[in-house]
Protein backbone atom coordinates (compact mmCIF):
# COMPACT_ATOMS: atom_id res chain seq x y z
CA MET A 1 4.25 -20.54 23.17
CA LYS A 2 5.75 -24.00 23.62
CA PHE A 3 8.52 -23.51 21.62
CA ALA A 4 10.04 -20.36 21.44
CA LEU A 5 10.26 -18.82 17.98
CA LEU A 6 13.88 -17.80 17.91
CA SER A 7 16.55 -19.52 19.69
CA ASP A 8 19.38 -17.85 21.55
CA ALA A 9 21.67 -17.99 18.07
CA ASP A 10 18.71 -15.67 16.73
CA HIS A 11 18.75 -13.41 19.03
CA LYS A 12 22.34 -13.19 19.30
CA ALA A 13 22.20 -12.13 15.33
CA ILE A 14 19.84 -10.02 15.47
CA ASP A 15 21.04 -7.78 18.42
CA ALA A 16 24.01 -7.61 17.17
CA LEU A 17 22.88 -6.27 13.85
CA LYS A 18 20.61 -3.67 15.24
CA GLU A 19 24.21 -2.91 17.77
CA HIS A 20 26.11 -1.93 14.15
CA TYR A 21 23.50 0.55 13.18
CA GLY A 22 23.92 2.20 16.47
CA GLY A 23 21.10 0.37 18.76
CA ALA A 24 17.29 0.51 19.53
CA ALA A 25 17.89 4.80 20.39
CA ALA A 26 19.63 5.45 17.56
CA ILE A 27 17.89 3.94 15.11
CA ASP A 28 14.25 5.31 16.73
CA ALA A 29 15.81 8.46 16.82
CA ALA A 30 16.96 8.53 13.10
CA ILE A 31 13.76 7.89 11.71
CA ALA A 32 11.74 9.90 13.96
CA GLN A 33 14.20 13.17 12.29
CA LYS A 34 14.61 11.66 8.76
CA ARG A 35 10.49 12.20 8.99
CA ASN A 36 10.63 15.95 9.79
CA PHE A 37 8.84 17.97 7.29
CA GLU A 38 11.97 20.73 6.68
CA THR A 39 14.80 18.23 7.62
CA ARG A 40 12.84 16.29 3.89
CA LYS A 41 12.84 19.86 2.38
CA LYS A 42 16.25 20.22 2.98
CA ILE A 43 17.68 17.22 1.54
CA LEU A 44 15.44 16.93 -1.68
CA ALA A 45 16.49 20.38 -2.44
CA GLU A 46 19.72 19.64 -2.43
CA LYS A 47 18.82 16.64 -4.06
CA GLY A 48 17.54 17.79 -6.78
CA PHE A 49 13.63 17.11 -5.93
CA GLY A 50 13.07 21.16 -4.43
CA GLU A 51 10.99 22.00 -7.57
CA MET A 52 8.50 18.73 -7.30
CA ILE A 53 8.25 19.55 -3.17
CA ALA A 54 7.42 22.77 -3.99
CA ASP A 55 4.87 22.20 -6.88
CA ALA A 56 2.83 19.52 -4.62
CA GLU A 57 2.40 22.16 -1.67
CA ARG A 58 0.68 24.09 -4.69
CA LEU A 59 -1.31 20.89 -5.84
CA VAL A 60 -2.72 19.93 -2.30
CA GLY A 61 -3.85 23.20 -1.74
CA LEU A 62 -6.23 22.47 -4.93
CA PHE A 63 -7.47 19.38 -3.76
CA SER A 64 -11.15 18.64 -3.22
CA LYS A 65 -12.06 17.65 1.03
CA ALA A 66 -13.33 15.15 2.02
CA GLY A 67 -14.92 17.64 5.18
CA ASP A 68 -17.04 19.93 2.90
CA TYR A 69 -18.55 16.30 1.57
CA GLU A 70 -19.35 15.55 5.06
CA GLN A 71 -20.83 18.74 5.73
CA LYS A 72 -22.91 19.33 2.22
CA ILE A 73 -25.09 15.63 3.41
CA GLY A 74 -25.25 16.72 6.76
CA PHE A 75 -23.20 13.73 7.51
CA SER A 76 -24.38 11.99 11.12
CA GLU A 77 -22.49 9.27 12.57
CA ASP A 78 -24.16 5.74 13.26
CA GLU A 79 -21.52 4.78 16.03
CA SER A 80 -23.69 1.52 15.73
CA LYS A 81 -21.26 1.00 12.57
CA GLY A 82 -17.55 0.37 11.90
CA ILE A 83 -15.39 3.02 11.15
CA ALA A 84 -13.84 2.98 7.39
CA THR A 85 -10.27 3.81 6.32
CA ALA A 86 -8.85 3.76 3.13
CA GLN A 87 -6.15 2.84 1.72
CA VAL A 88 -4.52 2.65 -1.51
CA SER A 89 -1.65 0.68 -3.58
CA GLY A 90 0.77 1.84 -6.21
CA PHE A 91 2.37 5.39 -4.90
CA GLN A 92 5.77 4.07 -7.55
CA GLY A 93 8.44 6.69 -6.44
CA ALA A 94 8.21 10.11 -6.84
CA PRO A 95 7.41 10.84 -10.03
CA VAL A 96 4.86 8.80 -9.97
CA THR A 97 3.06 10.35 -7.22
CA HIS A 98 3.55 14.03 -8.46
CA HIS A 99 1.46 13.17 -11.43
CA ALA A 100 -1.00 11.19 -9.00
CA MET A 101 -1.19 14.55 -7.75
CA LYS A 102 -1.87 17.30 -10.35
CA LEU A 103 -4.89 14.30 -11.14
CA ILE A 104 -6.40 14.67 -7.99
CA ALA A 105 -5.94 18.25 -8.37
CA GLU A 106 -7.98 19.03 -11.58
CA SER A 107 -10.60 16.58 -10.38
CA ALA A 108 -11.34 18.97 -7.44
CA ALA A 109 -13.43 20.70 -10.32
CA GLY A 110 -15.50 18.43 -11.18
CA ASP A 111 -18.70 16.68 -9.79
CA GLU A 112 -16.84 12.96 -8.88
CA PRO A 113 -13.63 14.80 -7.39
CA CYS A 114 -10.92 12.47 -5.82
CA TRP A 115 -9.53 12.50 -2.29
CA VAL A 116 -6.80 11.36 -0.30
CA SER A 117 -6.70 7.92 0.86
CA SER A 118 -5.61 8.03 4.85
CA GLU A 119 -3.37 4.94 3.99
CA MET A 120 -0.31 4.40 1.21
CA ILE A 121 1.09 1.29 -0.68
CA SER A 122 3.77 1.21 -2.24
CA VAL A 123 5.89 -2.33 -4.07
CA VAL A 124 9.11 -0.80 -4.95
CA PRO A 125 12.82 -2.50 -4.63
CA LEU A 126 14.73 -0.79 -2.05
CA THR A 127 17.58 -0.44 -4.67
CA GLU A 128 20.35 1.61 -4.00
CA ARG A 129 19.29 4.44 -6.58
CA TYR A 130 15.74 4.09 -5.07
CA VAL A 131 16.53 4.30 -1.38
CA TYR A 132 19.74 7.07 -1.52
CA SER A 133 18.95 9.20 -4.88
CA GLY A 134 16.35 10.93 -2.99
CA ASP A 135 13.40 9.19 -4.75
CA LEU A 136 12.23 7.38 -1.72
CA MET A 137 12.04 10.44 0.57
CA ALA A 138 10.41 13.26 -2.05
CA THR A 139 7.76 10.18 -2.01
CA LEU A 140 7.64 10.06 1.47
CA CYS A 141 7.86 13.98 1.89
CA MET A 142 4.69 13.95 -0.84
CA THR A 143 2.72 11.67 0.86
CA GLU A 144 3.72 11.54 4.70
CA ASN A 145 3.85 15.19 4.91
CA ILE A 146 1.84 17.56 2.04
CA MET A 147 -0.89 14.89 1.38
CA LYS A 148 -0.59 14.15 5.01
CA ALA A 149 -0.91 10.13 4.90
CA SER A 150 -1.27 8.76 7.92
CA LYS A 151 0.38 5.73 6.77
CA TYR A 152 2.48 4.85 4.32
CA CYS A 153 4.17 1.36 3.56
CA SER A 154 6.89 0.61 1.63
CA THR A 155 8.26 -2.87 0.85
CA ASN A 156 11.32 -4.51 1.13
CA LEU A 157 11.65 -7.40 -1.49
CA ILE A 158 14.60 -10.41 -0.31
CA GLY A 159 15.62 -10.69 -3.91
CA THR A 160 16.23 -6.92 -5.17
CA PRO A 161 19.32 -7.36 -6.60
CA LEU A 162 21.78 -4.92 -4.35
CA PRO A 163 25.85 -4.29 -3.93
CA GLU A 164 28.05 -7.58 -3.10
CA LYS A 165 29.45 -5.49 0.09
CA ARG A 166 26.13 -5.24 1.90
CA PHE A 167 25.92 -8.98 1.89
CA ALA A 168 29.43 -9.05 3.09
CA LEU A 169 28.61 -6.61 5.55
CA VAL A 170 25.49 -8.40 7.24
CA GLU A 171 27.02 -11.62 7.27
CA GLN A 172 30.43 -10.10 9.01
CA VAL A 173 27.65 -8.33 11.62
CA THR A 174 25.54 -11.40 12.33
CA GLY A 175 28.13 -14.83 11.44
CA LYS A 176 24.83 -15.70 9.03
CA THR A 177 26.16 -17.00 5.63
CA PHE A 178 23.33 -15.96 2.59
CA GLU A 179 23.62 -18.13 -0.50
CA ARG A 180 23.27 -15.25 -3.40
CA ALA A 181 24.30 -14.86 -6.66
CA ASP A 182 26.95 -13.12 -8.46
CA LEU A 183 25.54 -10.99 -11.00
CA GLY A 184 28.51 -8.86 -12.52
CA GLU A 185 29.54 -5.09 -12.03
CA GLY A 186 29.38 -6.24 -7.83
CA LEU A 187 25.90 -6.77 -7.80
CA SER A 188 24.36 -10.12 -5.97
CA GLN A 189 21.11 -11.37 -5.02
CA ILE A 190 19.68 -14.49 -2.95
CA VAL A 191 19.16 -17.40 -4.60
CA LEU A 192 15.44 -17.94 -4.63
CA LYS A 193 14.67 -21.32 -5.86
CA ASN A 194 10.80 -22.22 -4.95
CA MET A 195 9.45 -19.69 -7.59
CA GLY A 196 13.08 -19.34 -9.60
CA THR A 197 11.83 -15.34 -10.98
CA ALA A 198 14.04 -12.23 -10.03
CA PHE A 199 11.73 -11.51 -7.15
CA GLY A 200 10.16 -14.93 -5.85
CA ASN A 201 6.88 -14.72 -5.23
CA LEU A 202 6.53 -11.38 -5.46
CA GLY A 203 10.00 -11.31 -3.66
CA GLY A 204 9.69 -12.41 -0.27
CA VAL A 205 7.37 -15.32 1.03
CA GLU A 206 10.91 -17.14 0.18
CA VAL A 207 12.87 -16.72 3.11
CA ALA A 208 14.91 -19.40 3.96
CA ASN A 209 17.80 -20.10 6.03
CA ASN A 210 18.57 -16.58 7.44
CA ASN A 211 17.64 -14.62 5.32
CA HIS A 212 15.25 -12.77 7.05
CA LEU A 213 18.72 -10.69 8.67
CA PHE A 214 18.87 -9.47 5.61
CA TYR A 215 15.52 -8.30 5.22
CA LEU A 216 16.09 -6.69 8.37
CA ASP A 217 18.71 -5.17 6.76
CA GLY A 218 17.46 -3.71 4.15
CA VAL A 219 14.86 -2.17 6.94
CA ILE A 220 16.73 -0.47 8.74
CA ARG A 221 18.98 0.93 6.25
CA ALA A 222 15.92 2.69 4.59
CA SER A 223 14.47 3.96 7.66
CA ILE A 224 17.41 5.19 8.80
CA GLU A 225 17.68 6.63 5.44
CA THR A 226 14.50 8.39 4.50
CA GLY A 227 12.34 7.81 7.75
CA ASN A 228 10.50 5.74 6.14
CA ASP A 229 9.43 3.21 8.97
CA PHE A 230 5.70 1.09 7.43
CA PHE A 231 7.10 -2.51 5.40
CA LEU A 232 4.73 -4.55 4.28
CA ASN A 233 6.17 -7.88 5.93
CA PRO A 234 6.08 -11.08 2.85
CA SER A 235 6.97 -14.20 5.04
CA TRP A 236 6.46 -15.91 8.23
CA SER A 237 10.07 -15.79 9.52
CA SER A 238 10.33 -11.89 8.89
CA ILE A 239 7.61 -11.48 11.15
CA ILE A 240 9.26 -12.94 14.22
CA ALA A 241 11.69 -11.33 13.39
CA ALA A 242 11.06 -8.00 13.13
CA CYS A 243 8.92 -7.99 15.96
CA TYR A 244 10.94 -8.84 18.38
CA PHE A 245 13.80 -6.56 16.37
CA GLY A 246 11.03 -3.59 16.46
CA ARG A 247 9.90 -3.83 20.07
CA ASP A 248 12.10 -1.47 21.69
CA ILE A 249 11.73 1.10 18.18
CA PRO A 250 8.91 2.69 18.88
CA ASN A 251 8.86 4.47 15.11
CA LEU A 252 9.60 0.95 13.61
CA ASP A 253 5.87 -0.79 12.28
CA PHE A 254 5.35 -3.43 9.72
CA LYS A 255 2.03 -4.07 7.84
CA VAL A 256 1.61 -7.70 7.28
CA SER A 257 0.19 -8.55 3.40
CA MET A 258 -2.23 -10.67 2.59
CA LEU A 259 0.61 -12.89 0.50
CA LEU A 260 0.77 -14.86 3.71
CA SER A 261 -2.57 -16.22 2.58
CA THR A 262 -4.29 -15.23 6.25
CA GLN A 263 -7.77 -16.97 4.97
CA ASN A 264 -9.07 -18.08 8.27
CA VAL A 265 -8.80 -17.50 11.97
CA MET A 266 -6.51 -20.23 12.32
CA GLN A 267 -4.00 -18.90 11.16
CA PHE A 268 -4.58 -15.19 11.92
CA ARG A 269 -4.52 -16.93 16.05
CA MET A 270 -0.72 -17.81 14.18
CA LEU A 271 0.07 -14.27 14.32
CA LEU A 272 -1.52 -13.13 17.42
CA ASN A 273 0.95 -15.66 18.96
CA ILE A 274 4.16 -14.38 17.24
CA MET A 275 2.83 -10.48 18.43
CA SER A 276 1.83 -11.17 21.83
CA ALA A 277 5.47 -13.24 21.87
CA TYR A 278 7.19 -9.97 21.21
CA LEU A 279 4.98 -7.06 22.49
CA ARG A 280 6.00 -2.91 23.65
CA ASP A 281 6.12 -2.15 27.20
CA ASP A 282 2.66 -0.39 26.70
CA ASP A 283 0.43 -3.76 25.06
CA THR A 284 1.38 -2.17 21.14
CA THR A 285 3.52 -4.51 18.67
CA PRO A 286 6.05 -3.88 15.87
CA ILE A 287 2.69 -4.47 13.34
CA TYR A 288 0.37 -2.20 12.91
CA GLU A 289 -1.97 -3.71 10.10
CA ILE A 290 -2.95 -7.17 8.97
CA ASN A 291 -4.02 -7.50 5.19
CA ILE A 292 -7.37 -10.40 5.70
CA GLY A 293 -6.74 -12.55 2.30
CA ASN A 294 -8.95 -12.12 -0.70
CA GLY A 295 -10.32 -15.67 0.25
CA ALA A 296 -11.77 -14.56 3.80
CA SER A 297 -15.82 -13.84 3.70
CA PRO A 298 -17.07 -10.49 6.34
CA GLU A 299 -17.69 -13.62 8.77
CA THR A 300 -14.40 -14.35 9.02
CA PHE A 301 -12.91 -11.07 8.63
CA ILE A 302 -15.22 -10.02 11.69
CA GLN A 303 -13.98 -12.75 13.78
CA CYS A 304 -10.94 -12.17 13.51
CA SER A 305 -11.12 -8.79 14.34
CA ARG A 306 -13.34 -10.19 17.70
CA GLU A 307 -10.20 -12.22 18.73
CA LEU A 308 -7.98 -9.12 18.14
CA ASP A 309 -10.24 -7.43 20.08
CA ALA A 310 -9.43 -10.19 22.75
CA SER A 311 -6.61 -10.49 22.89
CA GLY A 312 -5.75 -7.58 24.68
CA ILE A 313 -2.81 -6.44 22.05
CA LYS A 314 -3.82 -2.56 20.64
CA GLY A 315 -2.54 -0.83 17.31
CA VAL A 316 -3.31 -3.27 14.91
CA SER A 317 -6.00 -2.98 12.24
CA LEU A 318 -7.21 -4.60 9.80
CA ALA A 319 -7.58 -4.43 5.98
CA ALA A 320 -9.18 -6.04 3.46
CA HIS A 321 -9.16 -5.90 -0.38
CA LEU A 322 -12.16 -4.30 -2.35
CA ARG A 323 -10.74 -4.00 -5.85
CA ILE A 324 -7.42 -6.20 -6.89
CA ASN A 325 -5.39 -6.44 -9.74
CA PRO A 326 -6.51 -8.80 -12.76
CA ASP A 327 -3.03 -10.94 -11.98
CA LEU A 328 -3.40 -11.43 -8.73
CA GLY A 329 -6.80 -13.02 -7.78
CA ILE A 330 -9.74 -14.17 -9.41
CA GLU A 331 -11.34 -11.90 -12.99
CA GLY A 332 -13.41 -9.54 -11.65
CA PHE A 333 -12.86 -9.52 -7.85
CA ASN A 334 -14.98 -6.81 -6.05
CA TRP A 335 -15.50 -6.79 -2.01
CA THR A 336 -17.35 -4.34 -1.65
CA ASP A 337 -20.92 -5.32 -0.55
CA GLN A 338 -18.85 -7.45 1.65
CA ALA A 339 -16.81 -4.46 3.25
CA PHE A 340 -20.12 -2.90 4.16
CA GLU A 341 -21.44 -6.35 6.06
CA VAL A 342 -18.32 -6.21 7.57
CA LEU A 343 -18.79 -2.31 8.42
CA GLU A 344 -22.45 -1.87 9.25
CA SER A 345 -21.87 -4.71 11.47
CA GLY A 346 -20.04 -2.68 13.75
CA THR A 347 -16.42 -4.19 12.75
CA ASN A 348 -13.70 -1.50 11.76
CA LEU A 349 -11.91 -1.87 8.36
CA THR A 350 -9.44 -0.47 6.24
CA PHE A 351 -11.04 -0.44 2.73
CA LYS A 352 -7.73 -1.44 0.46
CA TYR A 353 -7.48 -0.49 -3.85
CA GLU A 354 -4.87 -2.91 -5.17
CA SER A 355 -7.13 -1.91 -8.80
CA ASP A 356 -9.96 -0.27 -9.27
CA GLY A 357 -11.70 -2.76 -10.68
CA THR A 358 -11.25 -1.71 -14.72
CA ALA A 359 -8.28 -3.63 -15.44
CA ARG A 360 -6.33 -0.48 -17.39
CA GLU A 361 -3.49 -0.29 -18.88
CA LEU A 362 -0.25 -0.54 -16.03
CA ASP A 363 -2.66 -1.67 -13.62
CA THR A 364 -1.03 -4.87 -12.88
CA MET A 365 1.75 -6.82 -10.60
CA ALA A 366 4.19 -6.11 -13.70
CA ALA A 367 4.71 -2.27 -13.41
CA TYR A 368 6.00 -3.09 -9.72
CA PHE A 369 8.75 -4.27 -10.91
CA VAL A 370 10.11 -2.35 -13.54
CA SER A 371 13.14 -0.75 -13.05
CA ASP A 372 13.67 3.08 -11.80
CA ASP A 373 14.53 4.23 -15.08
CA GLU A 374 11.28 3.03 -17.38
CA ARG A 375 9.41 3.31 -13.58
CA ASP A 376 10.35 7.62 -14.72
CA GLU A 377 9.54 7.35 -18.34
CA LEU A 378 6.09 5.41 -17.09
CA ALA A 379 5.51 8.12 -14.69
CA GLU A 380 2.15 9.31 -16.06
CA LYS A 381 0.96 6.03 -16.96
CA ILE A 382 1.13 4.96 -13.85
CA GLY A 383 0.47 7.92 -11.96
CA ALA A 384 -2.86 7.60 -13.65
CA VAL A 385 -3.67 4.17 -12.50
CA ILE A 386 -3.15 5.59 -8.82
CA TYR A 387 -5.44 8.14 -9.51
CA TYR A 388 -7.80 5.85 -10.99
CA LYS A 389 -7.66 4.07 -7.58
CA SER A 390 -7.97 7.08 -5.17
CA LEU A 391 -10.91 7.79 -7.24
CA ARG A 392 -12.47 4.12 -6.38
CA ALA A 393 -12.16 5.27 -3.10
CA SER A 394 -13.35 8.50 -2.40
CA LYS A 395 -16.60 7.02 -4.62
CA ASP A 396 -16.96 3.88 -2.20
CA GLY A 397 -16.38 6.44 0.84
CA ARG A 398 -19.03 8.55 0.10
CA ALA A 399 -21.35 5.70 -0.31
CA MET A 400 -20.50 4.82 3.01
CA MET A 401 -20.83 7.88 4.72
CA ARG A 402 -24.50 8.17 3.18
CA LYS A 403 -24.81 5.36 5.64
CA GLY A 404 -23.58 7.14 8.63
CA ILE A 405 -20.10 5.39 8.07
CA ARG A 406 -17.31 7.33 9.66
CA THR A 407 -14.69 6.85 7.04
CA ARG A 408 -11.25 8.31 7.24
CA PHE A 409 -9.04 9.68 4.29
CA GLY A 410 -5.54 11.63 4.09
CA ALA A 411 -5.61 14.47 6.36
CA SER A 412 -5.77 17.18 3.56
CA SER A 413 -9.02 15.87 2.73
CA TYR A 414 -10.16 17.70 5.50
């Protein structure tokens, strides 16, 4: 590129933050250690989640198997078609996820069983309680270790209220300052000026000045504490910073959200340029997946895939929403037919559900931003929303299988 994306001062600040947490090798090792099933179970038992995890292990044994359905229909893969990977959003913490597992287990006896998605998304603010109480780790243990999702992606919202000491520490380490408001009781919050809301354009698109450093700090802390190593990236600056930061941390990867409006190939090429600037030695990138925007046509999706292949950048998948929350976009959004068009062209696609398409209670973006206490109180209702999204993914997955399309669900479904 003609102009460097990061200055020497930017490099220095990001490197200082990394070194504060022990450097790349130490961060990578800490993430790997906290992803170990037995390690997680031991920690969670101490934090009061032992009974929930034991029940989750029982429940997963009752799940219906996608592999059984493949045998039932005599599935034969058509290698001229793309591979489909199921992804469901809304795994909002441990009680919510646990209740969804109960419903998935109950569905196994019916004619339309629910399977586990291969990839899972969570939009929960990384509050002190969520990260350090065991809630996030218990969610990861159930989704990654027990249901065996291949990816679990959390989000880091730049507008999350956090202890003032967090801001002061990052300022001291990096030499940068962060404009923030005093919320009282020792809490502060980044000032979001464009949107003027608590989370500001879903809490991240507005990453002004050096706020990407505070974004990275939240990612590091959550990763080291819980082993969670996949995060939605909400802004161009945080993507650039994360690609540079994670280039020597193999266990740290990021998903790029459609909120960046990657609706056309020109915008997609901007991401290719960012990724190519900070490739790892094996030609992979800290970005593992890009969600193509809801406005894209099948032709645009296919062209993005072709240009990704031509770039030589490895390990990146492309996702598309098939259904979305009624408050996230146009009413009645349904990209299912378009997804089949993409897959039948021979292009791989991760098919994602923000909704099951019925606009049921709590199938809204507002459910992503309830408090920690409210989320626990609403666990059954939000868990049902996840279940119905997963059920929709399972139904569409069965339709794909019947067309000879290789369809991936969580490993516990096989």
